[in-house]
């Protein structure tokens, strides 16, 4: 029995607002089913994996990490900008607006 069908792929694509054709639906269904089968084999072989990190692990982001030194004050930064708009620095447009292409 397949875990994912072309109908499932169409539903995923619709939710993601993607347009895919029938060949892509079949290819994605095949790929997802192969991945699902592979993960099922791993789960069967290793059973339930421990979800808690080892005690000696270091988190990817240190919650209390701070940059050393003082931060710049907003008014000081804005005073250096050539043009401002309230609390924002105005910069030249680098991409065309809609309809200006």
PDB file of N, CA and C in Angstrom:
ATOM      1  N   UNK A   1       0.837  -1.187   0.000  1.00  0.00           N
ATOM      2  CA  UNK A   1       0.000   0.000   0.000  1.00  0.00           C
ATOM      3  C   UNK A   1       0.881   1.250   0.000  1.00  0.00           C
ATOM      4  N   UNK A   2       0.571   2.207  -0.855  1.00  0.00           N
ATOM      5  CA  UNK A   2       1.317   3.465  -0.923  1.00  0.00           C
ATOM      6  C   UNK A   2       0.912   4.371   0.223  1.00  0.00           C
ATOM      7  N   UNK A   3       1.870   5.082   0.718  1.00  0.00           N
ATOM      8  CA  UNK A   3       1.569   6.058   1.757  1.00  0.00           C
ATOM      9  C   UNK A   3       1.022   7.343   1.129  1.00  0.00           C
ATOM     10  N   UNK A   4       1.556   7.733  -0.035  1.00  0.00           N
ATOM     11  CA  UNK A   4       1.136   8.961  -0.692  1.00  0.00           C
ATOM     12  C   UNK A   4       0.669   8.651  -2.112  1.00  0.00           C
ATOM     13  N   UNK A   5      -0.433   9.262  -2.510  1.00  0.00           N
ATOM     14  CA  UNK A   5      -0.965   9.085  -3.862  1.00  0.00           C
ATOM     15  C   UNK A   5      -0.841  10.405  -4.621  1.00  0.00           C
ATOM     16  N   UNK A   6      -1.118  10.349  -5.923  1.00  0.00           N
ATOM     17  CA  UNK A   6      -1.114  11.574  -6.717  1.00  0.00           C
ATOM     18  C   UNK A   6      -2.157  12.558  -6.185  1.00  0.00           C
ATOM     19  N   UNK A   7      -3.267  12.021  -5.664  1.00  0.00           N
ATOM     20  CA  UNK A   7      -4.309  12.876  -5.086  1.00  0.00           C
ATOM     21  C   UNK A   7      -3.751  13.648  -3.882  1.00  0.00           C
ATOM     22  N   UNK A   8      -2.955  12.960  -3.056  1.00  0.00           N
ATOM     23  CA  UNK A   8      -2.326  13.635  -1.914  1.00  0.00           C
ATOM     24  C   UNK A   8      -1.398  14.748  -2.393  1.00  0.00           C
ATOM     25  N   UNK A   9      -0.622  14.457  -3.432  1.00  0.00           N
ATOM     26  CA  UNK A   9       0.325  15.440  -3.962  1.00  0.00           C
ATOM     27  C   UNK A   9      -0.425  16.647  -4.513  1.00  0.00           C
ATOM     28  N   UNK A  10      -1.553  16.411  -5.209  1.00  0.00           N
ATOM     29  CA  UNK A  10      -2.367  17.527  -5.714  1.00  0.00           C
ATOM     30  C   UNK A  10      -2.852  18.401  -4.557  1.00  0.00           C
ATOM     31  N   UNK A  11      -3.271  17.751  -3.460  1.00  0.00           N
ATOM     32  CA  UNK A  11      -3.748  18.501  -2.290  1.00  0.00           C
ATOM     33  C   UNK A  11      -2.615  19.319  -1.678  1.00  0.00           C
ATOM     34  N   UNK A  12      -1.419  18.715  -1.546  1.00  0.00           N
ATOM     35  CA  UNK A  12      -0.262  19.446  -1.017  1.00  0.00           C
ATOM     36  C   UNK A  12       0.056  20.641  -1.912  1.00  0.00           C
ATOM     37  N   UNK A  13       0.067  20.405  -3.220  1.00  0.00           N
ATOM     38  CA  UNK A  13       0.402  21.465  -4.176  1.00  0.00           C
ATOM     39  C   UNK A  13      -0.620  22.596  -4.105  1.00  0.00           C
ATOM     40  N   UNK A  14      -1.892  22.243  -3.980  1.00  0.00           N
ATOM     41  CA  UNK A  14      -2.933  23.274  -3.892  1.00  0.00           C
ATOM     42  C   UNK A  14      -2.753  24.117  -2.635  1.00  0.00           C
ATOM     43  N   UNK A  15      -2.447  23.470  -1.522  1.00  0.00           N
ATOM     44  CA  UNK A  15      -2.249  24.216  -0.273  1.00  0.00           C
ATOM     45  C   UNK A  15      -1.022  25.116  -0.353  1.00  0.00           C
ATOM     46  N   UNK A  16      -0.004  24.675  -1.086  1.00  0.00           N
ATOM     47  CA  UNK A  16       1.216  25.471  -1.243  1.00  0.00           C
ATOM     48  C   UNK A  16       1.116  26.435  -2.422  1.00  0.00           C
ATOM     49  N   UNK A  17      -0.037  26.430  -3.095  1.00  0.00           N
ATOM     50  CA  UNK A  17      -0.277  27.272  -4.272  1.00  0.00           C
ATOM     51  C   UNK A  17       0.750  27.021  -5.365  1.00  0.00           C
ATOM     52  N   UNK A  18       1.015  25.731  -5.607  1.00  0.00           N
ATOM     53  CA  UNK A  18       1.938  25.322  -6.661  1.00  0.00           C
ATOM     54  C   UNK A  18       1.151  24.707  -7.800  1.00  0.00           C
ATOM     55  N   UNK A  19       1.608  24.916  -9.008  1.00  0.00           N
ATOM     56  CA  UNK A  19       1.002  24.299 -10.175  1.00  0.00           C
ATOM     57  C   UNK A  19       1.939  23.202 -10.656  1.00  0.00           C
ATOM     58  N   UNK A  20       1.494  21.944 -10.587  1.00  0.00           N
ATOM     59  CA  UNK A  20       2.319  20.836 -11.067  1.00  0.00           C
ATOM     60  C   UNK A  20       1.489  19.976 -12.003  1.00  0.00           C
ATOM     61  N   UNK A  21       2.164  19.330 -12.955  1.00  0.00           N
ATOM     62  CA  UNK A  21       1.446  18.488 -13.909  1.00  0.00           C
ATOM     63  C   UNK A  21       1.408  17.043 -13.414  1.00  0.00           C
ATOM     64  N   UNK A  22       0.738  16.177 -14.170  1.00  0.00           N
ATOM     65  CA  UNK A  22       0.540  14.780 -13.766  1.00  0.00           C
ATOM     66  C   UNK A  22       1.864  14.039 -13.610  1.00  0.00           C
ATOM     67  N   UNK A  23       2.828  14.327 -14.483  1.00  0.00           N
ATOM     68  CA  UNK A  23       4.130  13.655 -14.386  1.00  0.00           C
ATOM     69  C   UNK A  23       4.829  14.039 -13.087  1.00  0.00           C
ATOM     70  N   UNK A  24       4.739  15.316 -12.718  1.00  0.00           N
ATOM     71  CA  UNK A  24       5.346  15.757 -11.462  1.00  0.00           C
ATOM     72  C   UNK A  24       4.627  15.152 -10.261  1.00  0.00           C
ATOM     73  N   UNK A  25       3.295  15.053 -10.341  1.00  0.00           N
ATOM     74  CA  UNK A  25       2.537  14.423  -9.252  1.00  0.00           C
ATOM     75  C   UNK A  25       3.032  13.007  -9.017  1.00  0.00           C
ATOM     76  N   UNK A  26       3.195  12.258 -10.103  1.00  0.00           N
ATOM     77  CA  UNK A  26       3.659  10.873  -9.988  1.00  0.00           C
ATOM     78  C   UNK A  26       5.083  10.818  -9.429  1.00  0.00           C
ATOM     79  N   UNK A  27       5.945  11.712  -9.901  1.00  0.00           N
ATOM     80  CA  UNK A  27       7.333  11.720  -9.428  1.00  0.00           C
ATOM     81  C   UNK A  27       7.413  12.079  -7.948  1.00  0.00           C
ATOM     82  N   UNK A  28       6.645  13.078  -7.530  1.00  0.00           N
ATOM     83  CA  UNK A  28       6.651  13.460  -6.110  1.00  0.00           C
ATOM     84  C   UNK A  28       6.069  12.350  -5.242  1.00  0.00           C
ATOM     85  N   UNK A  29       5.000  11.713  -5.708  1.00  0.00           N
ATOM     86  CA  UNK A  29       4.408  10.609  -4.941  1.00  0.00           C
ATOM     87  C   UNK A  29       5.419   9.482  -4.792  1.00  0.00           C
ATOM     88  N   UNK A  30       6.125   9.150  -5.880  1.00  0.00           N
ATOM     89  CA  UNK A  30       7.133   8.091  -5.828  1.00  0.00           C
ATOM     90  C   UNK A  30       8.246   8.465  -4.851  1.00  0.00           C
ATOM     91  N   UNK A  31       8.742   9.690  -4.944  1.00  0.00           N
ATOM     92  CA  UNK A  31       9.814  10.138  -4.062  1.00  0.00           C
ATOM     93  C   UNK A  31       9.403  10.144  -2.598  1.00  0.00           C
ATOM     94  N   UNK A  32       8.207  10.635  -2.307  1.00  0.00           N
ATOM     95  CA  UNK A  32       7.736  10.647  -0.922  1.00  0.00           C
ATOM     96  C   UNK A  32       7.526   9.237  -0.397  1.00  0.00           C
ATOM     97  N   UNK A  33       7.018   8.342  -1.244  1.00  0.00           N
ATOM     98  CA  UNK A  33       6.825   6.960  -0.815  1.00  0.00           C
ATOM     99  C   UNK A  33       8.154   6.271  -0.537  1.00  0.00           C
ATOM    100  N   UNK A  34       9.163   6.544  -1.361  1.00  0.00           N
ATOM    101  CA  UNK A  34      10.488   5.961  -1.115  1.00  0.00           C
ATOM    102  C   UNK A  34      11.076   6.494   0.188  1.00  0.00           C
ATOM    103  N   UNK A  35      10.913   7.780   0.434  1.00  0.00           N
ATOM    104  CA  UNK A  35      11.395   8.373   1.685  1.00  0.00           C
ATOM    105  C   UNK A  35      10.656   7.782   2.873  1.00  0.00           C
ATOM    106  N   UNK A  36       9.338   7.663   2.746  1.00  0.00           N
ATOM    107  CA  UNK A  36       8.518   7.092   3.819  1.00  0.00           C
ATOM    108  C   UNK A  36       8.933   5.654   4.109  1.00  0.00           C
ATOM    109  N   UNK A  37       9.166   4.882   3.048  1.00  0.00           N
ATOM    110  CA  UNK A  37       9.590   3.489   3.215  1.00  0.00           C
ATOM    111  C   UNK A  37      10.948   3.420   3.922  1.00  0.00           C
ATOM    112  N   UNK A  38      11.876   4.268   3.514  1.00  0.00           N
ATOM    113  CA  UNK A  38      13.201   4.301   4.133  1.00  0.00           C
ATOM    114  C   UNK A  38      13.098   4.641   5.616  1.00  0.00           C
ATOM    115  N   UNK A  39      12.304   5.659   5.942  1.00  0.00           N
ATOM    116  CA  UNK A  39      12.146   6.047   7.344  1.00  0.00           C
ATOM    117  C   UNK A  39      11.445   4.961   8.150  1.00  0.00           C
ATOM    118  N   UNK A  40      10.531   4.229   7.527  1.00  0.00           N
ATOM    119  CA  UNK A  40       9.860   3.117   8.210  1.00  0.00           C
ATOM    120  C   UNK A  40      10.855   2.016   8.545  1.00  0.00           C
ATOM    121  N   UNK A  41      11.776   1.734   7.627  1.00  0.00           N
ATOM    122  CA  UNK A  41      12.807   0.714   7.871  1.00  0.00           C
ATOM    123  C   UNK A  41      13.682   1.139   9.045  1.00  0.00           C
ATOM    124  N   UNK A  42      14.080   2.393   9.057  1.00  0.00           N
ATOM    125  CA  UNK A  42      14.904   2.894  10.160  1.00  0.00           C
ATOM    126  C   UNK A  42      14.144   2.794  11.476  1.00  0.00           C
ATOM    127  N   UNK A  43      12.874   3.192  11.473  1.00  0.00           N
ATOM    128  CA  UNK A  43      12.071   3.138  12.692  1.00  0.00           C
ATOM    129  C   UNK A  43      11.917   1.704  13.176  1.00  0.00           C
ATOM    130  N   UNK A  44      11.701   0.768  12.245  1.00  0.00           N
ATOM    131  CA  UNK A  44      11.563  -0.643  12.621  1.00  0.00           C
ATOM    132  C   UNK A  44      12.866  -1.184  13.195  1.00  0.00           C
ATOM    133  N   UNK A  45      13.985  -0.779  12.607  1.00  0.00           N
ATOM    134  CA  UNK A  45      15.278  -1.300  13.033  1.00  0.00           C
ATOM    135  C   UNK A  45      15.719  -0.734  14.379  1.00  0.00           C
ATOM    136  N   UNK A  46      15.511   0.556  14.569  1.00  0.00           N
ATOM    137  CA  UNK A  46      16.008   1.202  15.779  1.00  0.00           C
ATOM    138  C   UNK A  46      14.933   1.450  16.826  1.00  0.00           C
ATOM    139  N   UNK A  47      13.692   1.271  16.456  1.00  0.00           N
ATOM    140  CA  UNK A  47      12.614   1.495  17.408  1.00  0.00           C
ATOM    141  C   UNK A  47      12.504   2.959  17.775  1.00  0.00           C
ATOM    142  N   UNK A  48      12.004   3.202  18.947  1.00  0.00           N
ATOM    143  CA  UNK A  48      11.822   4.575  19.422  1.00  0.00           C
ATOM    144  C   UNK A  48      13.180   5.195  19.720  1.00  0.00           C
ATOM    145  N   UNK A  49      13.447   6.341  19.114  1.00  0.00           N
ATOM    146  CA  UNK A  49      14.711   7.023  19.343  1.00  0.00           C
ATOM    147  C   UNK A  49      14.576   7.961  20.536  1.00  0.00           C
ATOM    148  N   UNK A  50      15.666   8.106  21.261  1.00  0.00           N
ATOM    149  CA  UNK A  50      15.668   9.011  22.401  1.00  0.00           C
ATOM    150  C   UNK A  50      15.586  10.442  21.897  1.00  0.00           C
ATOM    151  N   UNK A  51      14.676  11.201  22.471  1.00  0.00           N
ATOM    152  CA  UNK A  51      14.442  12.556  21.982  1.00  0.00           C
ATOM    153  C   UNK A  51      15.100  13.625  22.839  1.00  0.00           C
ATOM    154  N   UNK A  52      15.707  13.235  23.938  1.00  0.00           N
ATOM    155  CA  UNK A  52      16.365  14.233  24.783  1.00  0.00           C
ATOM    156  C   UNK A  52      17.844  14.310  24.411  1.00  0.00           C
ATOM    157  N   UNK A  53      18.384  15.520  24.345  1.00  0.00           N
ATOM    158  CA  UNK A  53      19.799  15.641  23.986  1.00  0.00           C
ATOM    159  C   UNK A  53      20.684  15.142  25.119  1.00  0.00           C
ATOM    160  N   UNK A  54      21.871  14.672  24.792  1.00  0.00           N
ATOM    161  CA  UNK A  54      22.792  14.264  25.847  1.00  0.00           C
ATOM    162  C   UNK A  54      23.147  15.462  26.729  1.00  0.00           C
ATOM    163  N   UNK A  55      23.519  15.182  27.963  1.00  0.00           N
ATOM    164  CA  UNK A  55      23.789  16.263  28.911  1.00  0.00           C
ATOM    165  C   UNK A  55      24.941  17.160  28.481  1.00  0.00           C
ATOM    166  N   UNK A  56      25.905  16.607  27.756  1.00  0.00           N
ATOM    167  CA  UNK A  56      27.066  17.410  27.386  1.00  0.00           C
ATOM    168  C   UNK A  56      26.878  18.170  26.074  1.00  0.00           C
ATOM    169  N   UNK A  57      25.668  18.179  25.527  1.00  0.00           N
ATOM    170  CA  UNK A  57      25.457  18.876  24.259  1.00  0.00           C
ATOM    171  C   UNK A  57      25.305  20.375  24.491  1.00  0.00           C
ATOM    172  N   UNK A  58      25.684  21.132  23.494  1.00  0.00           N
ATOM    173  CA  UNK A  58      25.595  22.581  23.551  1.00  0.00           C
ATOM    174  C   UNK A  58      24.472  23.025  22.634  1.00  0.00           C
ATOM    175  N   UNK A  59      23.570  23.887  23.095  1.00  0.00           N
ATOM    176  CA  UNK A  59      22.502  24.355  22.210  1.00  0.00           C
ATOM    177  C   UNK A  59      23.075  25.143  21.034  1.00  0.00           C
ATOM    178  N   UNK A  60      22.378  25.114  19.915  1.00  0.00           N
ATOM    179  CA  UNK A  60      22.844  25.812  18.718  1.00  0.00           C
ATOM    180  C   UNK A  60      22.917  27.316  18.948  1.00  0.00           C
ATOM    181  N   UNK A  61      21.998  27.842  19.714  1.00  0.00           N
ATOM    182  CA  UNK A  61      21.980  29.271  20.007  1.00  0.00           C
ATOM    183  C   UNK A  61      22.015  29.443  21.515  1.00  0.00           C
ATOM    184  N   UNK A  62      22.943  30.204  21.975  1.00  0.00           N
ATOM    185  CA  UNK A  62      23.021  30.473  23.407  1.00  0.00           C
ATOM    186  C   UNK A  62      21.941  31.495  23.765  1.00  0.00           C
ATOM    187  N   UNK A  63      21.003  31.135  24.637  1.00  0.00           N
ATOM    188  CA  UNK A  63      19.906  32.052  24.934  1.00  0.00           C
ATOM    189  C   UNK A  63      20.357  33.377  25.537  1.00  0.00           C
ATOM    190  N   UNK A  64      21.434  33.375  26.289  1.00  0.00           N
ATOM    191  CA  UNK A  64      21.861  34.615  26.932  1.00  0.00           C
ATOM    192  C   UNK A  64      23.061  35.250  26.233  1.00  0.00           C
ATOM    193  N   UNK A  65      23.361  34.795  25.023  1.00  0.00           N
ATOM    194  CA  UNK A  65      24.528  35.337  24.319  1.00  0.00           C
ATOM    195  C   UNK A  65      24.269  36.788  23.945  1.00  0.00           C
ATOM    196  N   UNK A  66      25.195  37.650  24.302  1.00  0.00           N
ATOM    197  CA  UNK A  66      25.090  39.065  23.968  1.00  0.00           C
ATOM    198  C   UNK A  66      26.403  39.515  23.364  1.00  0.00           C
ATOM    199  N   UNK A  67      26.295  40.431  22.468  1.00  0.00           N
ATOM    200  CA  UNK A  67      27.478  41.015  21.874  1.00  0.00           C
ATOM    201  C   UNK A  67      28.109  41.946  22.903  1.00  0.00           C
ATOM    202  N   UNK A  68      29.411  41.906  22.980  1.00  0.00           N
ATOM    203  CA  UNK A  68      30.094  42.775  23.935  1.00  0.00           C
ATOM    204  C   UNK A  68      30.122  44.200  23.420  1.00  0.00           C
ATOM    205  N   UNK A  69      30.145  45.133  24.329  1.00  0.00           N
ATOM    206  CA  UNK A  69      30.203  46.535  23.957  1.00  0.00           C
ATOM    207  C   UNK A  69      28.814  47.148  23.947  1.00  0.00           C
ATOM    208  N   UNK A  70      28.795  48.454  23.832  1.00  0.00           N
ATOM    209  CA  UNK A  70      27.531  49.179  23.831  1.00  0.00           C
ATOM    210  C   UNK A  70      26.924  49.179  22.441  1.00  0.00           C
ATOM    211  N   UNK A  71      25.605  49.191  22.396  1.00  0.00           N
ATOM    212  CA  UNK A  71      24.894  49.309  21.130  1.00  0.00           C
ATOM    213  C   UNK A  71      24.862  50.773  20.717  1.00  0.00           C
ATOM    214  N   UNK A  72      24.693  50.996  19.430  1.00  0.00           N
ATOM    215  CA  UNK A  72      24.555  52.366  18.943  1.00  0.00           C
ATOM    216  C   UNK A  72      23.156  52.872  19.271  1.00  0.00           C
ATOM    217  N   UNK A  73      23.066  54.129  19.563  1.00  0.00           N
ATOM    218  CA  UNK A  73      21.769  54.745  19.819  1.00  0.00           C
ATOM    219  C   UNK A  73      21.105  55.075  18.482  1.00  0.00           C
ATOM    220  N   UNK A  74      19.791  54.886  18.418  1.00  0.00           N
ATOM    221  CA  UNK A  74      19.043  55.128  17.180  1.00  0.00           C
ATOM    222  C   UNK A  74      19.278  56.553  16.662  1.00  0.00           C
ATOM    223  N   UNK A  75      19.214  57.538  17.543  1.00  0.00           N
ATOM    224  CA  UNK A  75      19.370  58.935  17.097  1.00  0.00           C
ATOM    225  C   UNK A  75      20.746  59.177  16.486  1.00  0.00           C
ATOM    226  N   UNK A  76      21.771  58.499  17.015  1.00  0.00           N
ATOM    227  CA  UNK A  76      23.120  58.659  16.470  1.00  0.00           C
ATOM    228  C   UNK A  76      23.223  58.057  15.072  1.00  0.00           C
ATOM    229  N   UNK A  77      22.615  56.897  14.888  1.00  0.00           N
ATOM    230  CA  UNK A  77      22.639  56.247  13.572  1.00  0.00           C
ATOM    231  C   UNK A  77      21.850  57.081  12.574  1.00  0.00           C
ATOM    232  N   UNK A  78      20.657  57.539  12.973  1.00  0.00           N
ATOM    233  CA  UNK A  78      19.831  58.339  12.068  1.00  0.00           C
ATOM    234  C   UNK A  78      20.515  59.651  11.693  1.00  0.00           C
ATOM    235  N   UNK A  79      21.302  60.200  12.597  1.00  0.00           N
ATOM    236  CA  UNK A  79      21.986  61.464  12.288  1.00  0.00           C
ATOM    237  C   UNK A  79      23.059  61.273  11.211  1.00  0.00           C
ATOM    238  N   UNK A  80      23.542  60.055  11.023  1.00  0.00           N
ATOM    239  CA  UNK A  80      24.563  59.773  10.011  1.00  0.00           C
ATOM    240  C   UNK A  80      23.961  59.475   8.637  1.00  0.00           C
ATOM    241  N   UNK A  81      22.659  59.177   8.589  1.00  0.00           N
ATOM    242  CA  UNK A  81      22.016  58.798   7.330  1.00  0.00           C
ATOM    243  C   UNK A  81      21.791  60.029   6.460  1.00  0.00           C
ATOM    244  N   UNK A  82      21.971  59.896   5.130  1.00  0.00           N
ATOM    245  CA  UNK A  82      21.755  61.037   4.245  1.00  0.00           C
ATOM    246  C   UNK A  82      20.287  61.466   4.199  1.00  0.00           C
ATOM    247  N   UNK A  83      19.356  60.496   4.372  1.00  0.00           N
ATOM    248  CA  UNK A  83      17.933  60.830   4.325  1.00  0.00           C
ATOM    249  C   UNK A  83      17.185  59.888   5.258  1.00  0.00           C
ATOM    250  N   UNK A  84      16.251  60.427   6.033  1.00  0.00           N
ATOM    251  CA  UNK A  84      15.477  59.609   6.967  1.00  0.00           C
ATOM    252  C   UNK A  84      13.992  59.874   6.785  1.00  0.00           C
ATOM    253  N   UNK A  85      13.193  58.966   7.318  1.00  0.00           N
ATOM    254  CA  UNK A  85      11.741  59.107   7.332  1.00  0.00           C
ATOM    255  C   UNK A  85      11.287  58.640   8.705  1.00  0.00           C
ATOM    256  N   UNK A  86      11.176  59.555   9.637  1.00  0.00           N
ATOM    257  CA  UNK A  86      10.843  59.183  11.007  1.00  0.00           C
ATOM    258  C   UNK A  86      11.984  58.381  11.610  1.00  0.00           C
ATOM    259  N   UNK A  87      11.675  57.160  12.029  1.00  0.00           N
ATOM    260  CA  UNK A  87      12.683  56.300  12.657  1.00  0.00           C
ATOM    261  C   UNK A  87      13.379  55.397  11.643  1.00  0.00           C
ATOM    262  N   UNK A  88      13.198  55.660  10.342  1.00  0.00           N
ATOM    263  CA  UNK A  88      13.747  54.794   9.301  1.00  0.00           C
ATOM    264  C   UNK A  88      14.764  55.544   8.448  1.00  0.00           C
ATOM    265  N   UNK A  89      15.719  54.789   7.924  1.00  0.00           N
ATOM    266  CA  UNK A  89      16.695  55.339   6.986  1.00  0.00           C
ATOM    267  C   UNK A  89      16.149  55.113   5.586  1.00  0.00           C
ATOM    268  N   UNK A  90      16.074  56.171   4.793  1.00  0.00           N
ATOM    269  CA  UNK A  90      15.598  56.042   3.410  1.00  0.00           C
ATOM    270  C   UNK A  90      16.784  55.675   2.521  1.00  0.00           C
ATOM    271  N   UNK A  91      16.556  54.719   1.638  1.00  0.00           N
ATOM    272  CA  UNK A  91      17.595  54.289   0.702  1.00  0.00           C
ATOM    273  C   UNK A  91      17.037  54.367  -0.709  1.00  0.00           C
ATOM    274  N   UNK A  92      17.899  54.515  -1.724  1.00  0.00           N
ATOM    275  CA  UNK A  92      17.410  54.569  -3.103  1.00  0.00           C
ATOM    276  C   UNK A  92      16.787  53.236  -3.516  1.00  0.00           C
ATOM    277  N   UNK A  93      15.776  53.326  -4.367  1.00  0.00           N
ATOM    278  CA  UNK A  93      15.125  52.128  -4.888  1.00  0.00           C
ATOM    279  C   UNK A  93      16.103  51.401  -5.808  1.00  0.00           C
ATOM    280  N   UNK A  94      16.236  50.074  -5.618  1.00  0.00           N
ATOM    281  CA  UNK A  94      17.131  49.291  -6.469  1.00  0.00           C
ATOM    282  C   UNK A  94      16.354  48.336  -7.363  1.00  0.00           C
ATOM    283  N   UNK A  95      15.099  48.081  -7.019  1.00  0.00           N
ATOM    284  CA  UNK A  95      14.244  47.237  -7.842  1.00  0.00           C
ATOM    285  C   UNK A  95      13.097  48.080  -8.369  1.00  0.00           C
ATOM    286  N   UNK A  96      12.643  47.812  -9.597  1.00  0.00           N
ATOM    287  CA  UNK A  96      11.535  48.604 -10.132  1.00  0.00           C
ATOM    288  C   UNK A  96      10.233  48.290  -9.391  1.00  0.00           C
ATOM    289  N   UNK A  97       9.364  49.294  -9.314  1.00  0.00           N
ATOM    290  CA  UNK A  97       8.035  49.080  -8.749  1.00  0.00           C
ATOM    291  C   UNK A  97       7.211  48.281  -9.738  1.00  0.00           C
ATOM    292  N   UNK A  98       6.076  47.764  -9.286  1.00  0.00           N
ATOM    293  CA  UNK A  98       5.192  47.027 -10.192  1.00  0.00           C
ATOM    294  C   UNK A  98       4.790  47.940 -11.340  1.00  0.00           C
ATOM    295  N   UNK A  99       4.896  47.447 -12.552  1.00  0.00           N
ATOM    296  CA  UNK A  99       4.514  48.199 -13.728  1.00  0.00           C
ATOM    297  C   UNK A  99       5.594  49.117 -14.277  1.00  0.00           C
ATOM    298  N   UNK A 100       6.750  49.214 -13.632  1.00  0.00           N
ATOM    299  CA  UNK A 100       7.834  50.083 -14.106  1.00  0.00           C
ATOM    300  C   UNK A 100       8.870  49.342 -14.931  1.00  0.00           C
ATOM    301  N   UNK A 101       8.661  48.088 -15.212  1.00  0.00           N
ATOM    302  CA  UNK A 101       9.684  47.281 -15.884  1.00  0.00           C
ATOM    303  C   UNK A 101       9.915  47.664 -17.279  1.00  0.00           C
TER     304      UNK A 101
END
